Amino acid sequence: QVQLVESGGGLVQAGGSLRLSCAASGSIFGLNAMGWYRQAPGKQRELVAAITSVGSTNYADSVKGRFTISRDNAKNTMYLQMNSLKPEDTAVYYCAGFLYGSGWNSWGQGTQVTVSS
């Protein structure tokens, strides 16, 4: 099992940028994919970006062209670069790990991102 810890959240003005980091206590090599979820008050948790073990990426339509997911296997760290932030991006962002047959089974504690108008 991989332990995940997010960091980098905070308050940013609309149009600004923020980079989230997800540090894994175990090797991320064993994960089929990693991703970032977010949940805003009154909304369902949604997957905003994912990256597979072979480096392919997927993004929610709402963040395409603005967010970039990446990972550094040597550092066991995943990142989410968020640009052109909008107030509707305000949410708690969660790092997660995926395994075929188990689904999204590893979760971080979440980090708050607040985008002001």
C-alpha atoms as a PDB file:
ATOM      1  CA  GLN A   1       0.000   0.000   0.000  1.00  0.00           C
ATOM      2  CA  VAL A   2       1.225   3.479  -0.908  1.00  0.00           C
ATOM      3  CA  GLN A   3       0.873   6.389   1.503  1.00  0.00           C
ATOM      4  CA  LEU A   4       0.152   9.703  -0.230  1.00  0.00           C
ATOM      5  CA  VAL A   5       0.528  13.237   1.103  1.00  0.00           C
ATOM      6  CA  GLU A   6      -0.567  16.345  -0.801  1.00  0.00           C
ATOM      7  CA  SER A   7       0.907  19.798  -0.450  1.00  0.00           C
ATOM      8  CA  GLY A   8       0.935  23.114  -2.277  1.00  0.00           C
ATOM      9  CA  GLY A   9      -2.641  24.221  -1.822  1.00  0.00           C
ATOM     10  CA  GLY A  10      -3.495  27.754  -0.871  1.00  0.00           C
ATOM     11  CA  LEU A  11      -5.181  30.969  -1.884  1.00  0.00           C
ATOM     12  CA  VAL A  12      -4.627  32.388  -5.347  1.00  0.00           C
ATOM     13  CA  GLN A  13      -6.276  35.064  -7.451  1.00  0.00           C
ATOM     14  CA  ALA A  14      -8.264  34.182 -10.546  1.00  0.00           C
ATOM     15  CA  GLY A  15      -5.926  33.831 -13.496  1.00  0.00           C
ATOM     16  CA  GLY A  16      -3.058  32.802 -11.278  1.00  0.00           C
ATOM     17  CA  SER A  17      -1.170  29.539 -10.992  1.00  0.00           C
ATOM     18  CA  LEU A  18      -0.510  26.938  -8.346  1.00  0.00           C
ATOM     19  CA  ARG A  19       1.382  23.656  -8.285  1.00  0.00           C
ATOM     20  CA  LEU A  20       0.250  20.775  -6.130  1.00  0.00           C
ATOM     21  CA  SER A  21       2.586  17.992  -5.085  1.00  0.00           C
ATOM     22  CA  CYS A  22       1.807  14.465  -3.977  1.00  0.00           C
ATOM     23  CA  ALA A  23       4.588  12.655  -2.157  1.00  0.00           C
ATOM     24  CA  ALA A  24       4.412   8.878  -1.888  1.00  0.00           C
ATOM     25  CA  SER A  25       6.004   6.981   0.983  1.00  0.00           C
ATOM     26  CA  GLY A  26       6.216   3.900  -1.214  1.00  0.00           C
ATOM     27  CA  SER A  27       7.324   3.493  -4.795  1.00  0.00           C
ATOM     28  CA  ILE A  28       4.831   4.693  -7.372  1.00  0.00           C
ATOM     29  CA  PHE A  29       6.222   2.185  -9.862  1.00  0.00           C
ATOM     30  CA  GLY A  30       3.711  -0.371  -8.637  1.00  0.00           C
ATOM     31  CA  LEU A  31       0.709   1.834  -9.378  1.00  0.00           C
ATOM     32  CA  ASN A  32      -1.015   1.532 -12.733  1.00  0.00           C
ATOM     33  CA  ALA A  33      -2.018   5.179 -12.580  1.00  0.00           C
ATOM     34  CA  MET A  34      -2.116   8.190 -10.315  1.00  0.00           C
ATOM     35  CA  GLY A  35      -4.507  11.080 -10.373  1.00  0.00           C
ATOM     36  CA  TRP A  36      -5.958  14.155  -8.798  1.00  0.00           C
ATOM     37  CA  TYR A  37      -9.525  14.350  -7.584  1.00  0.00           C
ATOM     38  CA  ARG A  38     -11.291  17.409  -6.277  1.00  0.00           C
ATOM     39  CA  GLN A  39     -14.438  18.022  -4.314  1.00  0.00           C
ATOM     40  CA  ALA A  40     -16.169  21.353  -3.898  1.00  0.00           C
ATOM     41  CA  PRO A  41     -18.938  21.992  -1.365  1.00  0.00           C
ATOM     42  CA  GLY A  42     -22.218  20.536  -2.576  1.00  0.00           C
ATOM     43  CA  LYS A  43     -20.590  18.796  -5.513  1.00  0.00           C
ATOM     44  CA  GLN A  44     -19.616  15.230  -6.281  1.00  0.00           C
ATOM     45  CA  ARG A  45     -15.970  14.307  -6.114  1.00  0.00           C
ATOM     46  CA  GLU A  46     -14.535  14.372  -9.623  1.00  0.00           C
ATOM     47  CA  LEU A  47     -11.384  13.121 -11.253  1.00  0.00           C
ATOM     48  CA  VAL A  48      -9.649  16.119 -12.790  1.00  0.00           C
ATOM     49  CA  ALA A  49      -6.458  14.531 -14.122  1.00  0.00           C
ATOM     50  CA  ALA A  50      -4.748  11.154 -14.297  1.00  0.00           C
ATOM     51  CA  ILE A  51      -1.444   9.778 -15.515  1.00  0.00           C
ATOM     52  CA  THR A  52      -0.765   6.130 -16.289  1.00  0.00           C
ATOM     53  CA  SER A  53       2.359   4.091 -15.641  1.00  0.00           C
ATOM     54  CA  VAL A  54       3.371   4.580 -19.269  1.00  0.00           C
ATOM     55  CA  GLY A  55       2.901   8.340 -19.132  1.00  0.00           C
ATOM     56  CA  SER A  56      -0.397   8.858 -20.901  1.00  0.00           C
ATOM     57  CA  THR A  57      -2.591  11.555 -19.415  1.00  0.00           C
ATOM     58  CA  ASN A  58      -6.283  12.326 -19.218  1.00  0.00           C
ATOM     59  CA  TYR A  59      -8.070  15.457 -18.084  1.00  0.00           C
ATOM     60  CA  ALA A  60     -11.572  16.463 -17.206  1.00  0.00           C
ATOM     61  CA  ASP A  61     -13.069  18.749 -19.834  1.00  0.00           C
ATOM     62  CA  SER A  62     -13.285  21.550 -17.294  1.00  0.00           C
ATOM     63  CA  VAL A  63      -9.502  21.710 -16.849  1.00  0.00           C
ATOM     64  CA  LYS A  64      -8.170  20.793 -20.290  1.00  0.00           C
ATOM     65  CA  GLY A  65      -5.625  23.299 -21.509  1.00  0.00           C
ATOM     66  CA  ARG A  66      -5.154  24.745 -18.026  1.00  0.00           C
ATOM     67  CA  PHE A  67      -3.935  21.876 -15.827  1.00  0.00           C
ATOM     68  CA  THR A  68      -0.959  19.592 -16.397  1.00  0.00           C
ATOM     69  CA  ILE A  69      -0.316  16.373 -14.509  1.00  0.00           C
ATOM     70  CA  SER A  70       3.172  14.927 -14.258  1.00  0.00           C
ATOM     71  CA  ARG A  71       5.240  12.608 -12.110  1.00  0.00           C
ATOM     72  CA  ASP A  72       8.833  12.106 -11.064  1.00  0.00           C
ATOM     73  CA  ASN A  73       9.400   8.417 -10.403  1.00  0.00           C
ATOM     74  CA  ALA A  74      12.833   9.010  -8.881  1.00  0.00           C
ATOM     75  CA  LYS A  75      11.276  11.296  -6.278  1.00  0.00           C
ATOM     76  CA  ASN A  76       8.083   9.245  -5.915  1.00  0.00           C
ATOM     77  CA  THR A  77       6.167  12.443  -6.456  1.00  0.00           C
ATOM     78  CA  MET A  78       3.254  13.485  -8.638  1.00  0.00           C
ATOM     79  CA  TYR A  79       2.412  17.056  -9.538  1.00  0.00           C
ATOM     80  CA  LEU A  80      -0.534  19.057 -10.764  1.00  0.00           C
ATOM     81  CA  GLN A  81       0.354  22.358 -12.398  1.00  0.00           C
ATOM     82  CA  MET A  82      -2.722  24.556 -12.400  1.00  0.00           C
ATOM     83  CA  ASN A  83      -2.731  27.642 -14.600  1.00  0.00           C
ATOM     84  CA  SER A  84      -5.394  30.203 -15.465  1.00  0.00           C
ATOM     85  CA  LEU A  85      -7.225  29.309 -12.293  1.00  0.00           C
ATOM     86  CA  LYS A  86     -10.897  30.134 -11.995  1.00  0.00           C
ATOM     87  CA  PRO A  87     -13.081  30.546  -8.910  1.00  0.00           C
ATOM     88  CA  GLU A  88     -14.897  27.347  -9.883  1.00  0.00           C
ATOM     89  CA  ASP A  89     -11.619  25.478  -9.384  1.00  0.00           C
ATOM     90  CA  THR A  90     -11.987  26.081  -5.653  1.00  0.00           C
ATOM     91  CA  ALA A  91     -12.103  22.695  -3.950  1.00  0.00           C
ATOM     92  CA  VAL A  92     -10.239  20.246  -1.795  1.00  0.00           C
ATOM     93  CA  TYR A  93      -7.815  18.405  -4.046  1.00  0.00           C
ATOM     94  CA  TYR A  94      -6.913  14.793  -3.346  1.00  0.00           C
ATOM     95  CA  CYS A  95      -4.047  12.704  -4.616  1.00  0.00           C
ATOM     96  CA  ALA A  96      -4.983   9.125  -5.471  1.00  0.00           C
ATOM     97  CA  GLY A  97      -3.408   5.918  -6.721  1.00  0.00           C
ATOM     98  CA  PHE A  98      -5.020   3.382  -9.032  1.00  0.00           C
ATOM     99  CA  LEU A  99      -4.560  -0.347  -9.445  1.00  0.00           C
ATOM    100  CA  TYR A 100      -6.284  -2.544 -12.002  1.00  0.00           C
ATOM    101  CA  GLY A 101      -8.727  -4.742 -10.173  1.00  0.00           C
ATOM    102  CA  SER A 102      -8.737  -2.513  -7.084  1.00  0.00           C
ATOM    103  CA  GLY A 103      -9.590   0.895  -8.470  1.00  0.00           C
ATOM    104  CA  TRP A 104      -8.642   4.128  -6.745  1.00  0.00           C
ATOM    105  CA  ASN A 105      -7.539   2.656  -3.443  1.00  0.00           C
ATOM    106  CA  SER A 106      -4.800   4.974  -2.149  1.00  0.00           C
ATOM    107  CA  TRP A 107      -5.720   8.481  -1.030  1.00  0.00           C
ATOM    108  CA  GLY A 108      -4.055  11.530   0.408  1.00  0.00           C
ATOM    109  CA  GLN A 109      -5.602  13.727   3.088  1.00  0.00           C
ATOM    110  CA  GLY A 110      -6.472  16.544   0.702  1.00  0.00           C
ATOM    111  CA  THR A 111      -5.229  20.083   0.250  1.00  0.00           C
ATOM    112  CA  GLN A 112      -7.451  23.149  -0.043  1.00  0.00           C
ATOM    113  CA  VAL A 113      -7.264  25.289  -3.158  1.00  0.00           C
ATOM    114  CA  THR A 114      -9.144  28.573  -3.056  1.00  0.00           C
ATOM    115  CA  VAL A 115      -9.355  30.845  -6.089  1.00  0.00           C
ATOM    116  CA  SER A 116     -10.604  34.350  -5.421  1.00  0.00           C
ATOM    117  CA  SER A 117     -12.328  36.603  -7.941  1.00  0.00           C
END
